[in-house]
Full PDB file with SEQRES, HELIX, SHEET, SSBOND, CRYST1, ORIGX, SCALE, CONECT and MASTER records, all heavy atoms in Angstrom:
SEQRES   1 A   43  VAL TYR MET SER TRP SER ASN SER ASP LEU PHE VAL MET          
SEQRES   2 A   43  THR GLN ASN PHE THR GLN HIS THR GLY SER ALA ARG VAL          
SEQRES   3 A   43  ASP PHE ILE LYS ASN TYR CYS ASP VAL GLN LYS TYR CYS          
SEQRES   4 A   43  MET SER PHE ILE                                              
HELIX    1 AA1 SER A    8  THR A   21  1                                  14    
HELIX    2 AA2 VAL A   35  MET A   40  1                                   6    
SHEET    1 AA1 2 TYR A   2  SER A   4  0                                        
SHEET    2 AA1 2 TYR A  32  ASP A  34  1                                        
CRYST1    1.000    1.000    1.000  90.00  90.00  90.00 P 1           1          
ORIGX1      1.000000  0.000000  0.000000        0.00000                         
ORIGX2      0.000000  1.000000  0.000000        0.00000                         
ORIGX3      0.000000  0.000000  1.000000        0.00000                         
SCALE1      1.000000  0.000000  0.000000        0.00000                         
SCALE2      0.000000  1.000000  0.000000        0.00000                         
SCALE3      0.000000  0.000000  1.000000        0.00000                         
ATOM      1  N   VAL A   1      53.522 -23.907 155.015  1.00  0.00           N  
ATOM      2  CA  VAL A   1      53.462 -25.351 154.491  1.00  0.00           C  
ATOM      3  C   VAL A   1      52.489 -26.103 155.417  1.00  0.00           C  
ATOM      4  O   VAL A   1      52.669 -26.235 156.607  1.00  0.00           O  
ATOM      5  CB  VAL A   1      54.839 -25.999 154.586  1.00  0.00           C  
ATOM      6  CG1 VAL A   1      54.762 -27.449 154.131  1.00  0.00           C  
ATOM      7  CG2 VAL A   1      55.873 -25.268 153.733  1.00  0.00           C  
ATOM      8  N   TYR A   2      51.396 -26.578 154.819  1.00  0.00           N  
ATOM      9  CA  TYR A   2      50.468 -27.394 155.468  1.00  0.00           C  
ATOM     10  C   TYR A   2      50.881 -28.875 155.469  1.00  0.00           C  
ATOM     11  O   TYR A   2      51.478 -29.337 154.452  1.00  0.00           O  
ATOM     12  CB  TYR A   2      49.080 -27.257 154.836  1.00  0.00           C  
ATOM     13  CG  TYR A   2      48.318 -26.017 155.204  1.00  0.00           C  
ATOM     14  CD1 TYR A   2      48.664 -24.764 154.585  1.00  0.00           C  
ATOM     15  CD2 TYR A   2      47.369 -26.042 156.164  1.00  0.00           C  
ATOM     16  CE1 TYR A   2      47.999 -23.657 154.915  1.00  0.00           C  
ATOM     17  CE2 TYR A   2      46.646 -24.889 156.542  1.00  0.00           C  
ATOM     18  CZ  TYR A   2      46.969 -23.643 155.902  1.00  0.00           C  
ATOM     19  OH  TYR A   2      46.293 -22.517 156.312  1.00  0.00           O  
ATOM     20  N   MET A   3      50.733 -29.514 156.617  1.00  0.00           N  
ATOM     21  CA  MET A   3      51.234 -30.884 156.767  1.00  0.00           C  
ATOM     22  C   MET A   3      50.239 -31.733 157.432  1.00  0.00           C  
ATOM     23  O   MET A   3      49.407 -31.230 158.280  1.00  0.00           O  
ATOM     24  CB  MET A   3      52.560 -30.836 157.616  1.00  0.00           C  
ATOM     25  CG  MET A   3      53.425 -29.699 157.305  1.00  0.00           C  
ATOM     26  SD  MET A   3      54.923 -29.649 158.380  1.00  0.00           S  
ATOM     27  CE  MET A   3      55.995 -30.608 157.555  1.00  0.00           C  
ATOM     28  N   SER A   4      50.201 -33.027 157.193  1.00  0.00           N  
ATOM     29  CA  SER A   4      49.396 -33.993 157.893  1.00  0.00           C  
ATOM     30  C   SER A   4      50.080 -35.377 157.847  1.00  0.00           C  
ATOM     31  O   SER A   4      50.971 -35.620 157.073  1.00  0.00           O  
ATOM     32  CB  SER A   4      47.985 -34.055 157.245  1.00  0.00           C  
ATOM     33  OG  SER A   4      48.085 -34.501 155.917  1.00  0.00           O  
ATOM     34  N   TRP A   5      49.517 -36.208 158.748  1.00  0.00           N  
ATOM     35  CA  TRP A   5      50.108 -37.527 158.785  1.00  0.00           C  
ATOM     36  C   TRP A   5      49.431 -38.356 157.713  1.00  0.00           C  
ATOM     37  O   TRP A   5      48.285 -38.818 157.900  1.00  0.00           O  
ATOM     38  CB  TRP A   5      49.888 -38.273 160.133  1.00  0.00           C  
ATOM     39  CG  TRP A   5      50.635 -39.578 160.256  1.00  0.00           C  
ATOM     40  CD1 TRP A   5      50.218 -40.755 160.151  1.00  0.00           C  
ATOM     41  CD2 TRP A   5      52.079 -39.691 160.491  1.00  0.00           C  
ATOM     42  NE1 TRP A   5      51.164 -41.683 160.190  1.00  0.00           N  
ATOM     43  CE2 TRP A   5      52.348 -41.044 160.469  1.00  0.00           C  
ATOM     44  CE3 TRP A   5      53.074 -38.774 160.776  1.00  0.00           C  
ATOM     45  CZ2 TRP A   5      53.592 -41.621 160.646  1.00  0.00           C  
ATOM     46  CZ3 TRP A   5      54.363 -39.341 160.988  1.00  0.00           C  
ATOM     47  CH2 TRP A   5      54.611 -40.678 160.905  1.00  0.00           C  
ATOM     48  N   SER A   6      50.070 -38.614 156.617  1.00  0.00           N  
ATOM     49  CA  SER A   6      49.531 -39.201 155.351  1.00  0.00           C  
ATOM     50  C   SER A   6      48.644 -38.215 154.701  1.00  0.00           C  
ATOM     51  O   SER A   6      48.159 -37.231 155.289  1.00  0.00           O  
ATOM     52  CB  SER A   6      48.811 -40.517 155.614  1.00  0.00           C  
ATOM     53  OG  SER A   6      47.459 -40.423 155.830  1.00  0.00           O  
ATOM     54  N   ASN A   7      48.376 -38.479 153.401  1.00  0.00           N  
ATOM     55  CA  ASN A   7      47.586 -37.475 152.699  1.00  0.00           C  
ATOM     56  C   ASN A   7      46.049 -37.770 152.745  1.00  0.00           C  
ATOM     57  O   ASN A   7      45.234 -37.218 152.056  1.00  0.00           O  
ATOM     58  CB  ASN A   7      47.985 -37.303 151.221  1.00  0.00           C  
ATOM     59  CG  ASN A   7      47.795 -38.599 150.419  1.00  0.00           C  
ATOM     60  OD1 ASN A   7      47.198 -39.581 150.916  1.00  0.00           O  
ATOM     61  ND2 ASN A   7      48.246 -38.652 149.180  1.00  0.00           N  
ATOM     62  N   SER A   8      45.687 -38.812 153.588  1.00  0.00           N  
ATOM     63  CA  SER A   8      44.265 -39.206 153.691  1.00  0.00           C  
ATOM     64  C   SER A   8      43.451 -38.074 154.270  1.00  0.00           C  
ATOM     65  O   SER A   8      42.261 -37.793 153.751  1.00  0.00           O  
ATOM     66  CB  SER A   8      44.150 -40.377 154.548  1.00  0.00           C  
ATOM     67  OG  SER A   8      44.604 -40.188 155.879  1.00  0.00           O  
ATOM     68  N   ASP A   9      43.981 -37.258 155.229  1.00  0.00           N  
ATOM     69  CA  ASP A   9      43.234 -36.055 155.685  1.00  0.00           C  
ATOM     70  C   ASP A   9      43.026 -35.038 154.572  1.00  0.00           C  
ATOM     71  O   ASP A   9      41.887 -34.452 154.447  1.00  0.00           O  
ATOM     72  CB  ASP A   9      43.970 -35.407 156.831  1.00  0.00           C  
ATOM     73  CG  ASP A   9      43.948 -36.299 158.102  1.00  0.00           C  
ATOM     74  OD1 ASP A   9      44.671 -37.300 158.194  1.00  0.00           O  
ATOM     75  OD2 ASP A   9      43.167 -35.945 158.979  1.00  0.00           O  
ATOM     76  N   LEU A  10      44.084 -34.852 153.787  1.00  0.00           N  
ATOM     77  CA  LEU A  10      43.909 -33.826 152.643  1.00  0.00           C  
ATOM     78  C   LEU A  10      42.876 -34.385 151.643  1.00  0.00           C  
ATOM     79  O   LEU A  10      42.087 -33.611 151.032  1.00  0.00           O  
ATOM     80  CB  LEU A  10      45.283 -33.599 152.058  1.00  0.00           C  
ATOM     81  CG  LEU A  10      45.274 -32.478 150.984  1.00  0.00           C  
ATOM     82  CD1 LEU A  10      44.906 -31.127 151.593  1.00  0.00           C  
ATOM     83  CD2 LEU A  10      46.651 -32.420 150.332  1.00  0.00           C  
ATOM     84  N   PHE A  11      42.919 -35.665 151.425  1.00  0.00           N  
ATOM     85  CA  PHE A  11      42.000 -36.361 150.498  1.00  0.00           C  
ATOM     86  C   PHE A  11      40.566 -36.125 150.919  1.00  0.00           C  
ATOM     87  O   PHE A  11      39.670 -35.735 150.156  1.00  0.00           O  
ATOM     88  CB  PHE A  11      42.341 -37.807 150.331  1.00  0.00           C  
ATOM     89  CG  PHE A  11      41.396 -38.608 149.456  1.00  0.00           C  
ATOM     90  CD1 PHE A  11      41.628 -38.610 148.099  1.00  0.00           C  
ATOM     91  CD2 PHE A  11      40.352 -39.321 149.960  1.00  0.00           C  
ATOM     92  CE1 PHE A  11      40.766 -39.319 147.253  1.00  0.00           C  
ATOM     93  CE2 PHE A  11      39.485 -40.031 149.199  1.00  0.00           C  
ATOM     94  CZ  PHE A  11      39.689 -39.991 147.741  1.00  0.00           C  
ATOM     95  N   VAL A  12      40.321 -36.380 152.190  1.00  0.00           N  
ATOM     96  CA  VAL A  12      38.928 -36.201 152.747  1.00  0.00           C  
ATOM     97  C   VAL A  12      38.543 -34.733 152.773  1.00  0.00           C  
ATOM     98  O   VAL A  12      37.347 -34.435 152.405  1.00  0.00           O  
ATOM     99  CB  VAL A  12      38.910 -36.801 154.211  1.00  0.00           C  
ATOM    100  CG1 VAL A  12      37.572 -36.514 154.794  1.00  0.00           C  
ATOM    101  CG2 VAL A  12      39.012 -38.358 154.109  1.00  0.00           C  
ATOM    102  N   MET A  13      39.495 -33.873 152.981  1.00  0.00           N  
ATOM    103  CA  MET A  13      39.216 -32.420 152.963  1.00  0.00           C  
ATOM    104  C   MET A  13      38.765 -32.075 151.473  1.00  0.00           C  
ATOM    105  O   MET A  13      37.776 -31.270 151.380  1.00  0.00           O  
ATOM    106  CB  MET A  13      40.400 -31.582 153.381  1.00  0.00           C  
ATOM    107  CG  MET A  13      40.166 -30.067 153.478  1.00  0.00           C  
ATOM    108  SD  MET A  13      41.648 -29.055 153.630  1.00  0.00           S  
ATOM    109  CE  MET A  13      42.231 -29.590 155.223  1.00  0.00           C  
ATOM    110  N   THR A  14      39.502 -32.493 150.589  1.00  0.00           N  
ATOM    111  CA  THR A  14      39.213 -32.163 149.181  1.00  0.00           C  
ATOM    112  C   THR A  14      37.851 -32.730 148.744  1.00  0.00           C  
ATOM    113  O   THR A  14      37.065 -32.067 148.049  1.00  0.00           O  
ATOM    114  CB  THR A  14      40.363 -32.697 148.267  1.00  0.00           C  
ATOM    115  OG1 THR A  14      41.594 -32.235 148.715  1.00  0.00           O  
ATOM    116  CG2 THR A  14      40.114 -32.258 146.807  1.00  0.00           C  
ATOM    117  N   GLN A  15      37.598 -33.940 149.162  1.00  0.00           N  
ATOM    118  CA  GLN A  15      36.242 -34.528 148.880  1.00  0.00           C  
ATOM    119  C   GLN A  15      35.042 -33.701 149.566  1.00  0.00           C  
ATOM    120  O   GLN A  15      34.114 -33.485 148.893  1.00  0.00           O  
ATOM    121  CB  GLN A  15      36.164 -35.961 149.503  1.00  0.00           C  
ATOM    122  CG  GLN A  15      36.878 -37.044 148.630  1.00  0.00           C  
ATOM    123  CD  GLN A  15      36.568 -38.447 149.205  1.00  0.00           C  
ATOM    124  OE1 GLN A  15      36.546 -38.635 150.396  1.00  0.00           O  
ATOM    125  NE2 GLN A  15      36.344 -39.333 148.305  1.00  0.00           N  
ATOM    126  N   ASN A  16      35.360 -33.265 150.752  1.00  0.00           N  
ATOM    127  CA  ASN A  16      34.305 -32.472 151.448  1.00  0.00           C  
ATOM    128  C   ASN A  16      34.164 -31.116 150.762  1.00  0.00           C  
ATOM    129  O   ASN A  16      32.980 -30.634 150.607  1.00  0.00           O  
ATOM    130  CB  ASN A  16      34.662 -32.256 152.899  1.00  0.00           C  
ATOM    131  CG  ASN A  16      34.198 -33.368 153.794  1.00  0.00           C  
ATOM    132  OD1 ASN A  16      33.455 -33.280 154.709  1.00  0.00           O  
ATOM    133  ND2 ASN A  16      34.706 -34.632 153.467  1.00  0.00           N  
ATOM    134  N   PHE A  17      35.203 -30.536 150.289  1.00  0.00           N  
ATOM    135  CA  PHE A  17      35.143 -29.175 149.621  1.00  0.00           C  
ATOM    136  C   PHE A  17      34.390 -29.344 148.298  1.00  0.00           C  
ATOM    137  O   PHE A  17      33.573 -28.516 147.924  1.00  0.00           O  
ATOM    138  CB  PHE A  17      36.524 -28.581 149.330  1.00  0.00           C  
ATOM    139  CG  PHE A  17      36.909 -27.559 150.378  1.00  0.00           C  
ATOM    140  CD1 PHE A  17      37.542 -28.015 151.542  1.00  0.00           C  
ATOM    141  CD2 PHE A  17      36.750 -26.233 150.112  1.00  0.00           C  
ATOM    142  CE1 PHE A  17      37.949 -27.097 152.467  1.00  0.00           C  
ATOM    143  CE2 PHE A  17      37.118 -25.306 151.064  1.00  0.00           C  
ATOM    144  CZ  PHE A  17      37.728 -25.730 152.226  1.00  0.00           C  
ATOM    145  N   THR A  18      34.618 -30.488 147.591  1.00  0.00           N  
ATOM    146  CA  THR A  18      33.888 -30.839 146.401  1.00  0.00           C  
ATOM    147  C   THR A  18      32.389 -30.900 146.648  1.00  0.00           C  
ATOM    148  O   THR A  18      31.536 -30.438 145.851  1.00  0.00           O  
ATOM    149  CB  THR A  18      34.394 -32.079 145.697  1.00  0.00           C  
ATOM    150  OG1 THR A  18      35.813 -32.017 145.458  1.00  0.00           O  
ATOM    151  CG2 THR A  18      33.675 -32.354 144.447  1.00  0.00           C  
ATOM    152  N   GLN A  19      32.020 -31.583 147.753  1.00  0.00           N  
ATOM    153  CA  GLN A  19      30.642 -31.784 148.169  1.00  0.00           C  
ATOM    154  C   GLN A  19      29.943 -30.397 148.491  1.00  0.00           C  
ATOM    155  O   GLN A  19      28.818 -30.235 148.138  1.00  0.00           O  
ATOM    156  CB  GLN A  19      30.520 -32.716 149.270  1.00  0.00           C  
ATOM    157  CG  GLN A  19      29.173 -33.260 149.533  1.00  0.00           C  
ATOM    158  CD  GLN A  19      28.742 -34.199 148.421  1.00  0.00           C  
ATOM    159  OE1 GLN A  19      29.338 -35.176 148.122  1.00  0.00           O  
ATOM    160  NE2 GLN A  19      27.535 -33.874 147.865  1.00  0.00           N  
ATOM    161  N   HIS A  20      30.708 -29.567 149.168  1.00  0.00           N  
ATOM    162  CA  HIS A  20      30.104 -28.285 149.631  1.00  0.00           C  
ATOM    163  C   HIS A  20      30.159 -27.188 148.614  1.00  0.00           C  
ATOM    164  O   HIS A  20      29.278 -26.336 148.614  1.00  0.00           O  
ATOM    165  CB  HIS A  20      30.812 -27.850 150.938  1.00  0.00           C  
ATOM    166  CG  HIS A  20      30.400 -28.641 152.102  1.00  0.00           C  
ATOM    167  ND1 HIS A  20      29.311 -28.208 152.904  1.00  0.00           N  
ATOM    168  CD2 HIS A  20      30.899 -29.701 152.669  1.00  0.00           C  
ATOM    169  CE1 HIS A  20      29.162 -29.067 153.924  1.00  0.00           C  
ATOM    170  NE2 HIS A  20      30.134 -29.973 153.826  1.00  0.00           N  
ATOM    171  N   THR A  21      31.161 -27.138 147.816  1.00  0.00           N  
ATOM    172  CA  THR A  21      31.417 -26.037 146.876  1.00  0.00           C  
ATOM    173  C   THR A  21      31.380 -26.410 145.403  1.00  0.00           C  
ATOM    174  O   THR A  21      31.346 -25.546 144.543  1.00  0.00           O  
ATOM    175  CB  THR A  21      32.694 -25.288 147.189  1.00  0.00           C  
ATOM    176  OG1 THR A  21      33.815 -26.206 146.752  1.00  0.00           O  
ATOM    177  CG2 THR A  21      32.940 -24.998 148.583  1.00  0.00           C  
ATOM    178  N   GLY A  22      31.514 -27.677 145.110  1.00  0.00           N  
ATOM    179  CA  GLY A  22      31.586 -28.115 143.701  1.00  0.00           C  
ATOM    180  C   GLY A  22      32.947 -28.029 143.098  1.00  0.00           C  
ATOM    181  O   GLY A  22      33.162 -28.345 141.979  1.00  0.00           O  
ATOM    182  N   SER A  23      33.942 -27.701 143.929  1.00  0.00           N  
ATOM    183  CA  SER A  23      35.336 -27.505 143.453  1.00  0.00           C  
ATOM    184  C   SER A  23      36.210 -28.352 144.285  1.00  0.00           C  
ATOM    185  O   SER A  23      36.088 -28.365 145.469  1.00  0.00           O  
ATOM    186  CB  SER A  23      35.751 -26.057 143.478  1.00  0.00           C  
ATOM    187  OG  SER A  23      37.171 -25.980 143.151  1.00  0.00           O  
ATOM    188  N   ALA A  24      37.195 -29.081 143.674  1.00  0.00           N  
ATOM    189  CA  ALA A  24      38.102 -29.903 144.375  1.00  0.00           C  
ATOM    190  C   ALA A  24      39.291 -29.065 145.057  1.00  0.00           C  
ATOM    191  O   ALA A  24      39.960 -29.598 145.842  1.00  0.00           O  
ATOM    192  CB  ALA A  24      38.647 -31.025 143.509  1.00  0.00           C  
ATOM    193  N   ARG A  25      39.408 -27.885 144.540  1.00  0.00           N  
ATOM    194  CA  ARG A  25      40.580 -27.067 144.974  1.00  0.00           C  
ATOM    195  C   ARG A  25      40.331 -26.510 146.366  1.00  0.00           C  
ATOM    196  O   ARG A  25      39.309 -25.937 146.611  1.00  0.00           O  
ATOM    197  CB  ARG A  25      40.898 -25.958 143.995  1.00  0.00           C  
ATOM    198  CG  ARG A  25      42.150 -25.237 144.305  1.00  0.00           C  
ATOM    199  CD  ARG A  25      42.700 -24.476 143.217  1.00  0.00           C  
ATOM    200  NE  ARG A  25      43.882 -23.713 143.520  1.00  0.00           N  
ATOM    201  CZ  ARG A  25      44.714 -23.055 142.668  1.00  0.00           C  
ATOM    202  NH1 ARG A  25      44.290 -22.936 141.438  1.00  0.00           N  
ATOM    203  NH2 ARG A  25      45.744 -22.526 143.014  1.00  0.00           N  
ATOM    204  N   VAL A  26      41.320 -26.614 147.243  1.00  0.00           N  
ATOM    205  CA  VAL A  26      41.351 -25.922 148.510  1.00  0.00           C  
ATOM    206  C   VAL A  26      42.344 -24.763 148.383  1.00  0.00           C  
ATOM    207  O   VAL A  26      43.563 -24.879 148.509  1.00  0.00           O  
ATOM    208  CB  VAL A  26      41.814 -26.917 149.615  1.00  0.00           C  
ATOM    209  CG1 VAL A  26      41.679 -26.276 150.966  1.00  0.00           C  
ATOM    210  CG2 VAL A  26      40.985 -28.205 149.555  1.00  0.00           C  
ATOM    211  N   ASP A  27      41.725 -23.622 148.141  1.00  0.00           N  
ATOM    212  CA  ASP A  27      42.535 -22.442 147.714  1.00  0.00           C  
ATOM    213  C   ASP A  27      43.584 -21.994 148.735  1.00  0.00           C  
ATOM    214  O   ASP A  27      44.695 -21.486 148.362  1.00  0.00           O  
ATOM    215  CB  ASP A  27      41.624 -21.265 147.326  1.00  0.00           C  
ATOM    216  CG  ASP A  27      40.942 -21.522 145.975  1.00  0.00           C  
ATOM    217  OD1 ASP A  27      41.522 -22.174 145.178  1.00  0.00           O  
ATOM    218  OD2 ASP A  27      39.735 -21.002 145.882  1.00  0.00           O  
ATOM    219  N   PHE A  28      43.305 -22.155 150.082  1.00  0.00           N  
ATOM    220  CA  PHE A  28      44.178 -21.589 151.011  1.00  0.00           C  
ATOM    221  C   PHE A  28      45.437 -22.439 151.224  1.00  0.00           C  
ATOM    222  O   PHE A  28      46.421 -21.943 151.822  1.00  0.00           O  
ATOM    223  CB  PHE A  28      43.485 -21.273 152.349  1.00  0.00           C  
ATOM    224  CG  PHE A  28      42.958 -22.521 153.073  1.00  0.00           C  
ATOM    225  CD1 PHE A  28      43.801 -23.237 153.899  1.00  0.00           C  
ATOM    226  CD2 PHE A  28      41.716 -22.985 152.751  1.00  0.00           C  
ATOM    227  CE1 PHE A  28      43.310 -24.425 154.587  1.00  0.00           C  
ATOM    228  CE2 PHE A  28      41.206 -24.180 153.482  1.00  0.00           C  
ATOM    229  CZ  PHE A  28      41.982 -24.875 154.350  1.00  0.00           C  
ATOM    230  N   ILE A  29      45.453 -23.683 150.744  1.00  0.00           N  
ATOM    231  CA  ILE A  29      46.694 -24.489 150.849  1.00  0.00           C  
ATOM    232  C   ILE A  29      47.505 -24.368 149.608  1.00  0.00           C  
ATOM    233  O   ILE A  29      47.119 -24.758 148.534  1.00  0.00           O  
ATOM    234  CB  ILE A  29      46.245 -25.981 151.058  1.00  0.00           C  
ATOM    235  CG1 ILE A  29      45.522 -26.120 152.389  1.00  0.00           C  
ATOM    236  CG2 ILE A  29      47.561 -26.859 151.147  1.00  0.00           C  
ATOM    237  CD1 ILE A  29      45.191 -27.551 152.736  1.00  0.00           C  
ATOM    238  N   LYS A  30      48.656 -23.634 149.765  1.00  0.00           N  
ATOM    239  CA  LYS A  30      49.580 -23.419 148.650  1.00  0.00           C  
ATOM    240  C   LYS A  30      50.677 -24.421 148.603  1.00  0.00           C  
ATOM    241  O   LYS A  30      51.190 -24.725 147.473  1.00  0.00           O  
ATOM    242  CB  LYS A  30      50.174 -22.023 148.738  1.00  0.00           C  
ATOM    243  CG  LYS A  30      49.126 -20.853 148.957  1.00  0.00           C  
ATOM    244  CD  LYS A  30      48.192 -20.742 147.799  1.00  0.00           C  
ATOM    245  CE  LYS A  30      47.260 -19.581 147.934  1.00  0.00           C  
ATOM    246  NZ  LYS A  30      46.269 -19.425 146.839  1.00  0.00           N  
ATOM    247  N   ASN A  31      51.052 -24.924 149.745  1.00  0.00           N  
ATOM    248  CA  ASN A  31      52.211 -25.895 149.821  1.00  0.00           C  
ATOM    249  C   ASN A  31      51.739 -27.007 150.782  1.00  0.00           C  
ATOM    250  O   ASN A  31      51.150 -26.746 151.836  1.00  0.00           O  
ATOM    251  CB  ASN A  31      53.400 -25.214 150.398  1.00  0.00           C  
ATOM    252  CG  ASN A  31      53.789 -23.930 149.580  1.00  0.00           C  
ATOM    253  OD1 ASN A  31      54.282 -24.018 148.496  1.00  0.00           O  
ATOM    254  ND2 ASN A  31      53.554 -22.796 150.257  1.00  0.00           N  
ATOM    255  N   TYR A  32      52.114 -28.225 150.449  1.00  0.00           N  
ATOM    256  CA  TYR A  32      51.752 -29.340 151.294  1.00  0.00           C  
ATOM    257  C   TYR A  32      52.842 -30.398 151.453  1.00  0.00           C  
ATOM    258  O   TYR A  32      53.625 -30.655 150.466  1.00  0.00           O  
ATOM    259  CB  TYR A  32      50.536 -30.067 150.713  1.00  0.00           C  
ATOM    260  CG  TYR A  32      50.099 -31.328 151.404  1.00  0.00           C  
ATOM    261  CD1 TYR A  32      49.489 -31.259 152.726  1.00  0.00           C  
ATOM    262  CD2 TYR A  32      50.466 -32.525 150.936  1.00  0.00           C  
ATOM    263  CE1 TYR A  32      49.255 -32.391 153.376  1.00  0.00           C  
ATOM    264  CE2 TYR A  32      50.156 -33.705 151.672  1.00  0.00           C  
ATOM    265  CZ  TYR A  32      49.511 -33.644 152.860  1.00  0.00           C  
ATOM    266  OH  TYR A  32      49.247 -34.789 153.567  1.00  0.00           O  
ATOM    267  N   CYS A  33      52.926 -31.003 152.619  1.00  0.00           N  
ATOM    268  CA  CYS A  33      53.900 -32.031 152.827  1.00  0.00           C  
ATOM    269  C   CYS A  33      53.308 -33.195 153.646  1.00  0.00           C  
ATOM    270  O   CYS A  33      52.555 -32.970 154.601  1.00  0.00           O  
ATOM    271  CB  CYS A  33      55.099 -31.453 153.652  1.00  0.00           C  
ATOM    272  SG  CYS A  33      56.358 -32.826 154.146  1.00  0.00           S  
ATOM    273  N   ASP A  34      53.480 -34.374 153.132  1.00  0.00           N  
ATOM    274  CA  ASP A  34      53.007 -35.587 153.842  1.00  0.00           C  
ATOM    275  C   ASP A  34      54.054 -36.028 154.904  1.00  0.00           C  
ATOM    276  O   ASP A  34      55.165 -36.482 154.490  1.00  0.00           O  
ATOM    277  CB  ASP A  34      52.814 -36.704 152.737  1.00  0.00           C  
ATOM    278  CG  ASP A  34      52.312 -37.969 153.377  1.00  0.00           C  
ATOM    279  OD1 ASP A  34      52.391 -38.181 154.618  1.00  0.00           O  
ATOM    280  OD2 ASP A  34      51.779 -38.862 152.591  1.00  0.00           O  
ATOM    281  N   VAL A  35      53.773 -35.738 156.219  1.00  0.00           N  
ATOM    282  CA  VAL A  35      54.762 -35.999 157.184  1.00  0.00           C  
ATOM    283  C   VAL A  35      55.029 -37.490 157.328  1.00  0.00           C  
ATOM    284  O   VAL A  35      56.116 -38.010 157.729  1.00  0.00           O  
ATOM    285  CB  VAL A  35      54.264 -35.428 158.564  1.00  0.00           C  
ATOM    286  CG1 VAL A  35      55.293 -35.652 159.624  1.00  0.00           C  
ATOM    287  CG2 VAL A  35      53.992 -33.926 158.418  1.00  0.00           C  
ATOM    288  N   GLN A  36      54.027 -38.329 157.101  1.00  0.00           N  
ATOM    289  CA  GLN A  36      54.156 -39.807 157.178  1.00  0.00           C  
ATOM    290  C   GLN A  36      55.236 -40.208 156.171  1.00  0.00           C  
ATOM    291  O   GLN A  36      56.171 -41.005 156.562  1.00  0.00           O  
ATOM    292  CB  GLN A  36      52.925 -40.503 156.886  1.00  0.00           C  
ATOM    293  CG  GLN A  36      53.003 -42.022 157.001  1.00  0.00           C  
ATOM    294  CD  GLN A  36      51.729 -42.730 156.457  1.00  0.00           C  
ATOM    295  OE1 GLN A  36      51.425 -42.487 155.318  1.00  0.00           O  
ATOM    296  NE2 GLN A  36      51.170 -43.580 157.259  1.00  0.00           N  
ATOM    297  N   LYS A  37      55.167 -39.804 154.980  1.00  0.00           N  
ATOM    298  CA  LYS A  37      56.080 -40.180 153.960  1.00  0.00           C  
ATOM    299  C   LYS A  37      57.460 -39.671 154.310  1.00  0.00           C  
ATOM    300  O   LYS A  37      58.507 -40.444 154.138  1.00  0.00           O  
ATOM    301  CB  LYS A  37      55.695 -39.636 152.570  1.00  0.00           C  
ATOM    302  CG  LYS A  37      56.463 -40.132 151.416  1.00  0.00           C  
ATOM    303  CD  LYS A  37      55.986 -39.663 150.087  1.00  0.00           C  
ATOM    304  CE  LYS A  37      54.576 -40.263 149.808  1.00  0.00           C  
ATOM    305  NZ  LYS A  37      54.159 -39.891 148.458  1.00  0.00           N  
ATOM    306  N   TYR A  38      57.629 -38.471 154.816  1.00  0.00           N  
ATOM    307  CA  TYR A  38      58.844 -37.926 155.108  1.00  0.00           C  
ATOM    308  C   TYR A  38      59.475 -38.732 156.309  1.00  0.00           C  
ATOM    309  O   TYR A  38      60.627 -39.067 156.316  1.00  0.00           O  
ATOM    310  CB  TYR A  38      58.709 -36.448 155.599  1.00  0.00           C  
ATOM    311  CG  TYR A  38      59.926 -35.779 156.228  1.00  0.00           C  
ATOM    312  CD1 TYR A  38      61.012 -35.406 155.423  1.00  0.00           C  
ATOM    313  CD2 TYR A  38      59.950 -35.658 157.606  1.00  0.00           C  
ATOM    314  CE1 TYR A  38      62.142 -34.882 155.948  1.00  0.00           C  
ATOM    315  CE2 TYR A  38      61.156 -35.089 158.187  1.00  0.00           C  
ATOM    316  CZ  TYR A  38      62.161 -34.742 157.407  1.00  0.00           C  
ATOM    317  OH  TYR A  38      63.386 -34.231 157.939  1.00  0.00           O  
ATOM    318  N   CYS A  39      58.651 -38.974 157.361  1.00  0.00           N  
ATOM    319  CA  CYS A  39      59.233 -39.664 158.565  1.00  0.00           C  
ATOM    320  C   CYS A  39      59.604 -41.148 158.176  1.00  0.00           C  
ATOM    321  O   CYS A  39      60.598 -41.624 158.718  1.00  0.00           O  
ATOM    322  CB  CYS A  39      58.198 -39.681 159.630  1.00  0.00           C  
ATOM    323  SG  CYS A  39      58.133 -38.021 160.515  1.00  0.00           S  
ATOM    324  N   MET A  40      58.902 -41.746 157.347  1.00  0.00           N  
ATOM    325  CA  MET A  40      59.213 -43.142 156.902  1.00  0.00           C  
ATOM    326  C   MET A  40      60.582 -43.223 156.190  1.00  0.00           C  
ATOM    327  O   MET A  40      61.182 -44.289 156.223  1.00  0.00           O  
ATOM    328  CB  MET A  40      58.080 -43.690 156.060  1.00  0.00           C  
ATOM    329  CG  MET A  40      56.851 -44.064 156.809  1.00  0.00           C  
ATOM    330  SD  MET A  40      55.568 -44.803 155.737  1.00  0.00           S  
ATOM    331  CE  MET A  40      56.464 -46.332 155.107  1.00  0.00           C  
ATOM    332  N   SER A  41      61.066 -42.134 155.617  1.00  0.00           N  
ATOM    333  CA  SER A  41      62.315 -42.195 154.973  1.00  0.00           C  
ATOM    334  C   SER A  41      63.401 -42.332 155.962  1.00  0.00           C  
ATOM    335  O   SER A  41      64.646 -42.561 155.547  1.00  0.00           O  
ATOM    336  CB  SER A  41      62.566 -40.899 154.146  1.00  0.00           C  
ATOM    337  OG  SER A  41      62.721 -39.758 154.964  1.00  0.00           O  
ATOM    338  N   PHE A  42      63.143 -42.151 157.274  1.00  0.00           N  
ATOM    339  CA  PHE A  42      64.178 -42.261 158.303  1.00  0.00           C  
ATOM    340  C   PHE A  42      64.075 -43.595 159.065  1.00  0.00           C  
ATOM    341  O   PHE A  42      64.887 -43.914 159.909  1.00  0.00           O  
ATOM    342  CB  PHE A  42      64.025 -41.130 159.336  1.00  0.00           C  
ATOM    343  CG  PHE A  42      64.446 -39.771 158.789  1.00  0.00           C  
ATOM    344  CD1 PHE A  42      63.454 -39.002 158.197  1.00  0.00           C  
ATOM    345  CD2 PHE A  42      65.695 -39.320 158.921  1.00  0.00           C  
ATOM    346  CE1 PHE A  42      63.760 -37.728 157.713  1.00  0.00           C  
ATOM    347  CE2 PHE A  42      66.064 -38.065 158.366  1.00  0.00           C  
ATOM    348  CZ  PHE A  42      65.047 -37.228 157.753  1.00  0.00           C  
ATOM    349  N   ILE A  43      63.039 -44.422 158.705  1.00  0.00           N  
ATOM    350  CA  ILE A  43      62.883 -45.680 159.378  1.00  0.00           C  
ATOM    351  C   ILE A  43      63.673 -46.719 158.779  1.00  0.00           C  
ATOM    352  O   ILE A  43      63.721 -46.965 157.530  1.00  0.00           O  
ATOM    353  CB  ILE A  43      61.357 -46.061 159.387  1.00  0.00           C  
ATOM    354  CG1 ILE A  43      60.585 -45.080 160.202  1.00  0.00           C  
ATOM    355  CG2 ILE A  43      61.141 -47.505 160.018  1.00  0.00           C  
ATOM    356  CD1 ILE A  43      59.082 -45.307 160.149  1.00  0.00           C  
TER     357      ILE A  43                                                      
MASTER        0    0    0    2    2    0    0    6  356    1    0    4          
END                                                                             
């Protein structure tokens, strides 16, 4: 499970992959969790 603080990092990664490969898909990430959203549920 790949994780990041908010999905902005994943968004920028996807944009960069589109720029470099022409495809929005990041094939090696099969599962993703936004840790910011998860942690905020406890605040």
